[in-house]
PDB file of N, CA and C in Angstrom:
ATOM      1  N   UNK A   1      21.890 -13.529  44.604  1.00  0.00           N
ATOM      2  CA  UNK A   1      21.293 -13.298  43.309  1.00  0.00           C
ATOM      3  C   UNK A   1      22.262 -13.698  42.192  1.00  0.00           C
ATOM      4  N   UNK A   2      23.476 -13.197  42.209  1.00  0.00           N
ATOM      5  CA  UNK A   2      24.446 -13.524  41.162  1.00  0.00           C
ATOM      6  C   UNK A   2      25.591 -14.296  41.787  1.00  0.00           C
ATOM      7  N   UNK A   3      25.885 -15.432  41.209  1.00  0.00           N
ATOM      8  CA  UNK A   3      27.015 -16.221  41.671  1.00  0.00           C
ATOM      9  C   UNK A   3      28.068 -16.203  40.581  1.00  0.00           C
ATOM     10  N   UNK A   4      29.320 -15.926  40.961  1.00  0.00           N
ATOM     11  CA  UNK A   4      30.398 -15.790  39.984  1.00  0.00           C
ATOM     12  C   UNK A   4      30.527 -16.988  39.068  1.00  0.00           C
ATOM     13  N   UNK A   5      30.305 -18.182  39.557  1.00  0.00           N
ATOM     14  CA  UNK A   5      30.489 -19.365  38.721  1.00  0.00           C
ATOM     15  C   UNK A   5      29.420 -19.487  37.630  1.00  0.00           C
ATOM     16  N   UNK A   6      28.325 -18.758  37.759  1.00  0.00           N
ATOM     17  CA  UNK A   6      27.242 -18.831  36.788  1.00  0.00           C
ATOM     18  C   UNK A   6      27.234 -17.686  35.781  1.00  0.00           C
ATOM     19  N   UNK A   7      28.187 -16.802  35.865  1.00  0.00           N
ATOM     20  CA  UNK A   7      28.201 -15.649  34.973  1.00  0.00           C
ATOM     21  C   UNK A   7      28.481 -16.113  33.554  1.00  0.00           C
ATOM     22  N   UNK A   8      27.614 -15.690  32.616  1.00  0.00           N
ATOM     23  CA  UNK A   8      27.754 -16.150  31.248  1.00  0.00           C
ATOM     24  C   UNK A   8      27.970 -15.031  30.245  1.00  0.00           C
ATOM     25  N   UNK A   9      27.780 -13.779  30.631  1.00  0.00           N
ATOM     26  CA  UNK A   9      27.811 -12.724  29.625  1.00  0.00           C
ATOM     27  C   UNK A   9      29.065 -11.862  29.690  1.00  0.00           C
ATOM     28  N   UNK A  10      29.291 -11.186  30.775  1.00  0.00           N
ATOM     29  CA  UNK A  10      30.415 -10.254  30.823  1.00  0.00           C
ATOM     30  C   UNK A  10      31.106 -10.321  32.178  1.00  0.00           C
ATOM     31  N   UNK A  11      32.413 -10.339  32.160  1.00  0.00           N
ATOM     32  CA  UNK A  11      33.190 -10.175  33.378  1.00  0.00           C
ATOM     33  C   UNK A  11      34.508  -9.536  32.976  1.00  0.00           C
ATOM     34  N   UNK A  12      34.538  -8.222  32.929  1.00  0.00           N
ATOM     35  CA  UNK A  12      35.730  -7.506  32.531  1.00  0.00           C
ATOM     36  C   UNK A  12      36.045  -6.472  33.594  1.00  0.00           C
ATOM     37  N   UNK A  13      37.197  -6.571  34.183  1.00  0.00           N
ATOM     38  CA  UNK A  13      37.570  -5.607  35.207  1.00  0.00           C
ATOM     39  C   UNK A  13      38.762  -4.753  34.759  1.00  0.00           C
ATOM     40  N   UNK A  14      39.817  -5.370  34.258  1.00  0.00           N
ATOM     41  CA  UNK A  14      41.013  -4.639  33.874  1.00  0.00           C
ATOM     42  C   UNK A  14      41.311  -4.821  32.395  1.00  0.00           C
ATOM     43  N   UNK A  15      41.972  -3.825  31.840  1.00  0.00           N
ATOM     44  CA  UNK A  15      42.482  -3.972  30.493  1.00  0.00           C
ATOM     45  C   UNK A  15      43.909  -3.455  30.468  1.00  0.00           C
ATOM     46  N   UNK A  16      44.669  -3.911  29.508  1.00  0.00           N
ATOM     47  CA  UNK A  16      46.051  -3.486  29.363  1.00  0.00           C
ATOM     48  C   UNK A  16      46.082  -2.405  28.286  1.00  0.00           C
ATOM     49  N   UNK A  17      46.583  -1.223  28.596  1.00  0.00           N
ATOM     50  CA  UNK A  17      46.606  -0.130  27.640  1.00  0.00           C
ATOM     51  C   UNK A  17      47.950   0.577  27.728  1.00  0.00           C
ATOM     52  N   UNK A  18      48.738   0.489  26.661  1.00  0.00           N
ATOM     53  CA  UNK A  18      50.059   1.117  26.582  1.00  0.00           C
ATOM     54  C   UNK A  18      50.923   0.774  27.789  1.00  0.00           C
ATOM     55  N   UNK A  19      50.853  -0.459  28.230  1.00  0.00           N
ATOM     56  CA  UNK A  19      51.707  -0.905  29.322  1.00  0.00           C
ATOM     57  C   UNK A  19      51.208  -0.568  30.714  1.00  0.00           C
ATOM     58  N   UNK A  20      50.149   0.225  30.830  1.00  0.00           N
ATOM     59  CA  UNK A  20      49.610   0.594  32.139  1.00  0.00           C
ATOM     60  C   UNK A  20      48.327  -0.174  32.398  1.00  0.00           C
ATOM     61  N   UNK A  21      48.084  -0.516  33.655  1.00  0.00           N
ATOM     62  CA  UNK A  21      46.808  -1.134  34.003  1.00  0.00           C
ATOM     63  C   UNK A  21      45.802  -0.027  34.274  1.00  0.00           C
ATOM     64  N   UNK A  22      44.663  -0.108  33.617  1.00  0.00           N
ATOM     65  CA  UNK A  22      43.621   0.890  33.747  1.00  0.00           C
ATOM     66  C   UNK A  22      42.320   0.182  34.109  1.00  0.00           C
ATOM     67  N   UNK A  23      41.568   0.759  35.025  1.00  0.00           N
ATOM     68  CA  UNK A  23      40.298   0.168  35.423  1.00  0.00           C
ATOM     69  C   UNK A  23      39.254   0.433  34.347  1.00  0.00           C
ATOM     70  N   UNK A  24      38.540  -0.600  33.948  1.00  0.00           N
ATOM     71  CA  UNK A  24      37.429  -0.437  33.012  1.00  0.00           C
ATOM     72  C   UNK A  24      36.204  -0.049  33.815  1.00  0.00           C
ATOM     73  N   UNK A  25      35.590   1.014  33.453  1.00  0.00           N
ATOM     74  CA  UNK A  25      34.376   1.433  34.134  1.00  0.00           C
ATOM     75  C   UNK A  25      33.236   1.394  33.132  1.00  0.00           C
ATOM     76  N   UNK A  26      32.548   0.270  33.084  1.00  0.00           N
ATOM     77  CA  UNK A  26      31.440   0.093  32.165  1.00  0.00           C
ATOM     78  C   UNK A  26      30.152   0.484  32.869  1.00  0.00           C
ATOM     79  N   UNK A  27      29.416   1.407  32.273  1.00  0.00           N
ATOM     80  CA  UNK A  27      28.162   1.870  32.846  1.00  0.00           C
ATOM     81  C   UNK A  27      26.990   1.323  32.049  1.00  0.00           C
ATOM     82  N   UNK A  28      25.894   1.053  32.733  1.00  0.00           N
ATOM     83  CA  UNK A  28      24.673   0.576  32.087  1.00  0.00           C
ATOM     84  C   UNK A  28      23.670   1.723  32.037  1.00  0.00           C
ATOM     85  N   UNK A  29      23.065   1.895  30.866  1.00  0.00           N
ATOM     86  CA  UNK A  29      22.085   2.951  30.638  1.00  0.00           C
ATOM     87  C   UNK A  29      20.775   2.331  30.167  1.00  0.00           C
ATOM     88  N   UNK A  30      19.653   2.995  30.468  1.00  0.00           N
ATOM     89  CA  UNK A  30      18.346   2.583  29.970  1.00  0.00           C
ATOM     90  C   UNK A  30      17.928   3.591  28.915  1.00  0.00           C
ATOM     91  N   UNK A  31      17.494   3.090  27.765  1.00  0.00           N
ATOM     92  CA  UNK A  31      16.999   3.974  26.719  1.00  0.00           C
ATOM     93  C   UNK A  31      15.535   4.293  26.993  1.00  0.00           C
ATOM     94  N   UNK A  32      15.232   5.583  27.167  1.00  0.00           N
ATOM     95  CA  UNK A  32      13.876   6.049  27.446  1.00  0.00           C
ATOM     96  C   UNK A  32      13.573   7.215  26.511  1.00  0.00           C
ATOM     97  N   UNK A  33      12.577   7.046  25.661  1.00  0.00           N
ATOM     98  CA  UNK A  33      12.170   8.098  24.718  1.00  0.00           C
ATOM     99  C   UNK A  33      13.346   8.644  23.914  1.00  0.00           C
ATOM    100  N   UNK A  34      14.209   7.753  23.443  1.00  0.00           N
ATOM    101  CA  UNK A  34      15.343   8.155  22.615  1.00  0.00           C
ATOM    102  C   UNK A  34      16.523   8.728  23.379  1.00  0.00           C
ATOM    103  N   UNK A  35      16.409   8.822  24.701  1.00  0.00           N
ATOM    104  CA  UNK A  35      17.496   9.337  25.537  1.00  0.00           C
ATOM    105  C   UNK A  35      17.983   8.216  26.452  1.00  0.00           C
ATOM    106  N   UNK A  36      19.224   8.323  26.895  1.00  0.00           N
ATOM    107  CA  UNK A  36      19.790   7.311  27.780  1.00  0.00           C
ATOM    108  C   UNK A  36      19.908   7.850  29.199  1.00  0.00           C
ATOM    109  N   UNK A  37      19.418   7.054  30.156  1.00  0.00           N
ATOM    110  CA  UNK A  37      19.507   7.398  31.566  1.00  0.00           C
ATOM    111  C   UNK A  37      20.398   6.385  32.265  1.00  0.00           C
ATOM    112  N   UNK A  38      21.291   6.864  33.115  1.00  0.00           N
ATOM    113  CA  UNK A  38      22.200   5.982  33.837  1.00  0.00           C
ATOM    114  C   UNK A  38      21.413   5.051  34.752  1.00  0.00           C
ATOM    115  N   UNK A  39      21.721   3.747  34.677  1.00  0.00           N
ATOM    116  CA  UNK A  39      21.056   2.748  35.512  1.00  0.00           C
ATOM    117  C   UNK A  39      22.003   2.231  36.596  1.00  0.00           C
ATOM    118  N   UNK A  40      23.245   1.895  36.218  1.00  0.00           N
ATOM    119  CA  UNK A  40      24.213   1.380  37.177  1.00  0.00           C
ATOM    120  C   UNK A  40      25.624   1.669  36.681  1.00  0.00           C
ATOM    121  N   UNK A  41      26.439   2.235  37.553  1.00  0.00           N
ATOM    122  CA  UNK A  41      27.833   2.530  37.214  1.00  0.00           C
ATOM    123  C   UNK A  41      28.731   1.350  37.557  1.00  0.00           C
ATOM    124  N   UNK A  42      29.876   1.295  36.895  1.00  0.00           N
ATOM    125  CA  UNK A  42      30.936   0.319  37.188  1.00  0.00           C
ATOM    126  C   UNK A  42      30.437  -1.125  37.180  1.00  0.00           C
ATOM    127  N   UNK A  43      29.667  -1.480  36.147  1.00  0.00           N
ATOM    128  CA  UNK A  43      29.110  -2.827  36.055  1.00  0.00           C
ATOM    129  C   UNK A  43      30.240  -3.841  35.897  1.00  0.00           C
ATOM    130  N   UNK A  44      30.194  -4.859  36.718  1.00  0.00           N
ATOM    131  CA  UNK A  44      31.196  -5.917  36.705  1.00  0.00           C
ATOM    132  C   UNK A  44      30.609  -7.212  36.161  1.00  0.00           C
ATOM    133  N   UNK A  45      29.363  -7.515  36.551  1.00  0.00           N
ATOM    134  CA  UNK A  45      28.751  -8.792  36.182  1.00  0.00           C
ATOM    135  C   UNK A  45      27.327  -8.552  35.672  1.00  0.00           C
ATOM    136  N   UNK A  46      26.995  -9.224  34.577  1.00  0.00           N
ATOM    137  CA  UNK A  46      25.624  -9.219  34.050  1.00  0.00           C
ATOM    138  C   UNK A  46      25.212 -10.661  33.824  1.00  0.00           C
ATOM    139  N   UNK A  47      23.963 -10.965  34.180  1.00  0.00           N
ATOM    140  CA  UNK A  47      23.454 -12.313  33.961  1.00  0.00           C
ATOM    141  C   UNK A  47      22.004 -12.226  33.511  1.00  0.00           C
ATOM    142  N   UNK A  48      21.726 -12.524  32.223  1.00  0.00           N
ATOM    143  CA  UNK A  48      20.337 -12.528  31.765  1.00  0.00           C
ATOM    144  C   UNK A  48      19.621 -13.779  32.255  1.00  0.00           C
ATOM    145  N   UNK A  49      18.401 -13.590  32.740  1.00  0.00           N
ATOM    146  CA  UNK A  49      17.647 -14.726  33.270  1.00  0.00           C
ATOM    147  C   UNK A  49      16.153 -14.412  33.233  1.00  0.00           C
ATOM    148  N   UNK A  50      15.385 -15.188  32.472  1.00  0.00           N
ATOM    149  CA  UNK A  50      13.921 -15.079  32.427  1.00  0.00           C
ATOM    150  C   UNK A  50      13.423 -13.662  32.121  1.00  0.00           C
ATOM    151  N   UNK A  51      13.984 -13.026  31.111  1.00  0.00           N
ATOM    152  CA  UNK A  51      13.539 -11.700  30.722  1.00  0.00           C
ATOM    153  C   UNK A  51      14.028 -10.576  31.615  1.00  0.00           C
ATOM    154  N   UNK A  52      14.896 -10.898  32.545  1.00  0.00           N
ATOM    155  CA  UNK A  52      15.479  -9.904  33.447  1.00  0.00           C
ATOM    156  C   UNK A  52      16.998  -9.962  33.316  1.00  0.00           C
ATOM    157  N   UNK A  53      17.636  -8.854  33.633  1.00  0.00           N
ATOM    158  CA  UNK A  53      19.094  -8.808  33.618  1.00  0.00           C
ATOM    159  C   UNK A  53      19.560  -8.461  35.019  1.00  0.00           C
ATOM    160  N   UNK A  54      20.261  -9.391  35.638  1.00  0.00           N
ATOM    161  CA  UNK A  54      20.810  -9.196  36.978  1.00  0.00           C
ATOM    162  C   UNK A  54      22.197  -8.592  36.809  1.00  0.00           C
ATOM    163  N   UNK A  55      22.462  -7.508  37.544  1.00  0.00           N
ATOM    164  CA  UNK A  55      23.751  -6.831  37.444  1.00  0.00           C
ATOM    165  C   UNK A  55      24.338  -6.573  38.822  1.00  0.00           C
ATOM    166  N   UNK A  56      25.653  -6.592  38.866  1.00  0.00           N
ATOM    167  CA  UNK A  56      26.372  -6.225  40.088  1.00  0.00           C
ATOM    168  C   UNK A  56      27.546  -5.362  39.674  1.00  0.00           C
ATOM    169  N   UNK A  57      27.819  -4.321  40.439  1.00  0.00           N
ATOM    170  CA  UNK A  57      28.959  -3.474  40.104  1.00  0.00           C
ATOM    171  C   UNK A  57      30.180  -3.819  40.946  1.00  0.00           C
ATOM    172  N   UNK A  58      31.252  -3.092  40.725  1.00  0.00           N
ATOM    173  CA  UNK A  58      32.521  -3.371  41.411  1.00  0.00           C
ATOM    174  C   UNK A  58      32.430  -3.219  42.925  1.00  0.00           C
ATOM    175  N   UNK A  59      31.415  -2.495  43.399  1.00  0.00           N
ATOM    176  CA  UNK A  59      31.276  -2.225  44.822  1.00  0.00           C
ATOM    177  C   UNK A  59      30.236  -3.114  45.497  1.00  0.00           C
ATOM    178  N   UNK A  60      29.691  -4.080  44.738  1.00  0.00           N
ATOM    179  CA  UNK A  60      28.739  -5.028  45.302  1.00  0.00           C
ATOM    180  C   UNK A  60      27.284  -4.612  45.190  1.00  0.00           C
ATOM    181  N   UNK A  61      27.021  -3.408  44.679  1.00  0.00           N
ATOM    182  CA  UNK A  61      25.633  -2.976  44.492  1.00  0.00           C
ATOM    183  C   UNK A  61      24.983  -3.834  43.407  1.00  0.00           C
ATOM    184  N   UNK A  62      23.767  -4.306  43.665  1.00  0.00           N
ATOM    185  CA  UNK A  62      23.075  -5.175  42.720  1.00  0.00           C
ATOM    186  C   UNK A  62      21.751  -4.546  42.285  1.00  0.00           C
ATOM    187  N   UNK A  63      21.445  -4.710  40.995  1.00  0.00           N
ATOM    188  CA  UNK A  63      20.177  -4.225  40.456  1.00  0.00           C
ATOM    189  C   UNK A  63      19.642  -5.250  39.464  1.00  0.00           C
ATOM    190  N   UNK A  64      18.317  -5.230  39.291  1.00  0.00           N
ATOM    191  CA  UNK A  64      17.661  -6.103  38.309  1.00  0.00           C
ATOM    192  C   UNK A  64      16.905  -5.214  37.336  1.00  0.00           C
ATOM    193  N   UNK A  65      17.096  -5.464  36.043  1.00  0.00           N
ATOM    194  CA  UNK A  65      16.407  -4.716  35.005  1.00  0.00           C
ATOM    195  C   UNK A  65      15.505  -5.662  34.240  1.00  0.00           C
ATOM    196  N   UNK A  66      14.237  -5.292  34.086  1.00  0.00           N
ATOM    197  CA  UNK A  66      13.303  -6.104  33.311  1.00  0.00           C
ATOM    198  C   UNK A  66      13.276  -5.577  31.889  1.00  0.00           C
ATOM    199  N   UNK A  67      13.869  -6.318  30.976  1.00  0.00           N
ATOM    200  CA  UNK A  67      13.958  -5.921  29.580  1.00  0.00           C
ATOM    201  C   UNK A  67      15.070  -6.684  28.897  1.00  0.00           C
ATOM    202  N   UNK A  68      15.687  -6.028  27.932  1.00  0.00           N
ATOM    203  CA  UNK A  68      16.724  -6.712  27.165  1.00  0.00           C
ATOM    204  C   UNK A  68      17.906  -5.779  26.912  1.00  0.00           C
ATOM    205  N   UNK A  69      18.956  -6.350  26.385  1.00  0.00           N
ATOM    206  CA  UNK A  69      20.151  -5.591  26.039  1.00  0.00           C
ATOM    207  C   UNK A  69      19.984  -5.079  24.613  1.00  0.00           C
ATOM    208  N   UNK A  70      20.095  -3.784  24.432  1.00  0.00           N
ATOM    209  CA  UNK A  70      20.029  -3.205  23.095  1.00  0.00           C
ATOM    210  C   UNK A  70      21.409  -3.227  22.453  1.00  0.00           C
ATOM    211  N   UNK A  71      22.432  -2.873  23.241  1.00  0.00           N
ATOM    212  CA  UNK A  71      23.772  -2.748  22.677  1.00  0.00           C
ATOM    213  C   UNK A  71      24.814  -2.812  23.787  1.00  0.00           C
ATOM    214  N   UNK A  72      25.949  -3.420  23.472  1.00  0.00           N
ATOM    215  CA  UNK A  72      27.103  -3.403  24.364  1.00  0.00           C
ATOM    216  C   UNK A  72      28.279  -2.900  23.547  1.00  0.00           C
ATOM    217  N   UNK A  73      28.937  -1.861  24.014  1.00  0.00           N
ATOM    218  CA  UNK A  73      30.138  -1.355  23.368  1.00  0.00           C
ATOM    219  C   UNK A  73      31.301  -1.549  24.332  1.00  0.00           C
ATOM    220  N   UNK A  74      32.127  -2.524  24.051  1.00  0.00           N
ATOM    221  CA  UNK A  74      33.282  -2.776  24.917  1.00  0.00           C
ATOM    222  C   UNK A  74      34.310  -1.657  24.780  1.00  0.00           C
ATOM    223  N   UNK A  75      34.425  -1.087  23.595  1.00  0.00           N
ATOM    224  CA  UNK A  75      35.375  -0.011  23.363  1.00  0.00           C
ATOM    225  C   UNK A  75      34.987   1.250  24.132  1.00  0.00           C
ATOM    226  N   UNK A  76      33.686   1.547  24.177  1.00  0.00           N
ATOM    227  CA  UNK A  76      33.204   2.751  24.861  1.00  0.00           C
ATOM    228  C   UNK A  76      32.810   2.480  26.305  1.00  0.00           C
ATOM    229  N   UNK A  77      32.872   1.224  26.748  1.00  0.00           N
ATOM    230  CA  UNK A  77      32.523   0.827  28.118  1.00  0.00           C
ATOM    231  C   UNK A  77      31.081   1.201  28.447  1.00  0.00           C
ATOM    232  N   UNK A  78      30.150   0.857  27.528  1.00  0.00           N
ATOM    233  CA  UNK A  78      28.742   1.202  27.678  1.00  0.00           C
ATOM    234  C   UNK A  78      27.855   0.002  27.421  1.00  0.00           C
ATOM    235  N   UNK A  79      26.806  -0.089  28.202  1.00  0.00           N
ATOM    236  CA  UNK A  79      25.759  -1.094  28.004  1.00  0.00           C
ATOM    237  C   UNK A  79      24.450  -0.318  27.903  1.00  0.00           C
ATOM    238  N   UNK A  80      23.694  -0.548  26.839  1.00  0.00           N
ATOM    239  CA  UNK A  80      22.411   0.125  26.678  1.00  0.00           C
ATOM    240  C   UNK A  80      21.315  -0.924  26.783  1.00  0.00           C
ATOM    241  N   UNK A  81      20.371  -0.686  27.680  1.00  0.00           N
ATOM    242  CA  UNK A  81      19.265  -1.607  27.926  1.00  0.00           C
ATOM    243  C   UNK A  81      17.967  -1.003  27.403  1.00  0.00           C
ATOM    244  N   UNK A  82      17.010  -1.871  27.056  1.00  0.00           N
ATOM    245  CA  UNK A  82      15.705  -1.371  26.608  1.00  0.00           C
ATOM    246  C   UNK A  82      14.601  -2.206  27.205  1.00  0.00           C
ATOM    247  N   UNK A  83      13.442  -1.571  27.404  1.00  0.00           N
ATOM    248  CA  UNK A  83      12.272  -2.268  27.946  1.00  0.00           C
ATOM    249  C   UNK A  83      11.461  -2.853  26.825  1.00  0.00           C
TER     250      UNK A  83
END
């Protein structure tokens, strides 16, 4: 489903913070009735394609979301999706 060479949106695994290596754990949430529900933890790769968003996490789990990206906060390690 997702091939690393075709990734166009996000690929962030590590960040440098005060000299220490820290794992970035970006979670994807779906906005439902004004509330956010967890969709996928530890997102590593996102690829939008034909109205769907293909995602894979650090552990190889893959999910497809039909909708769009509402917001990405790199500072807060959050992705909010909407239908």
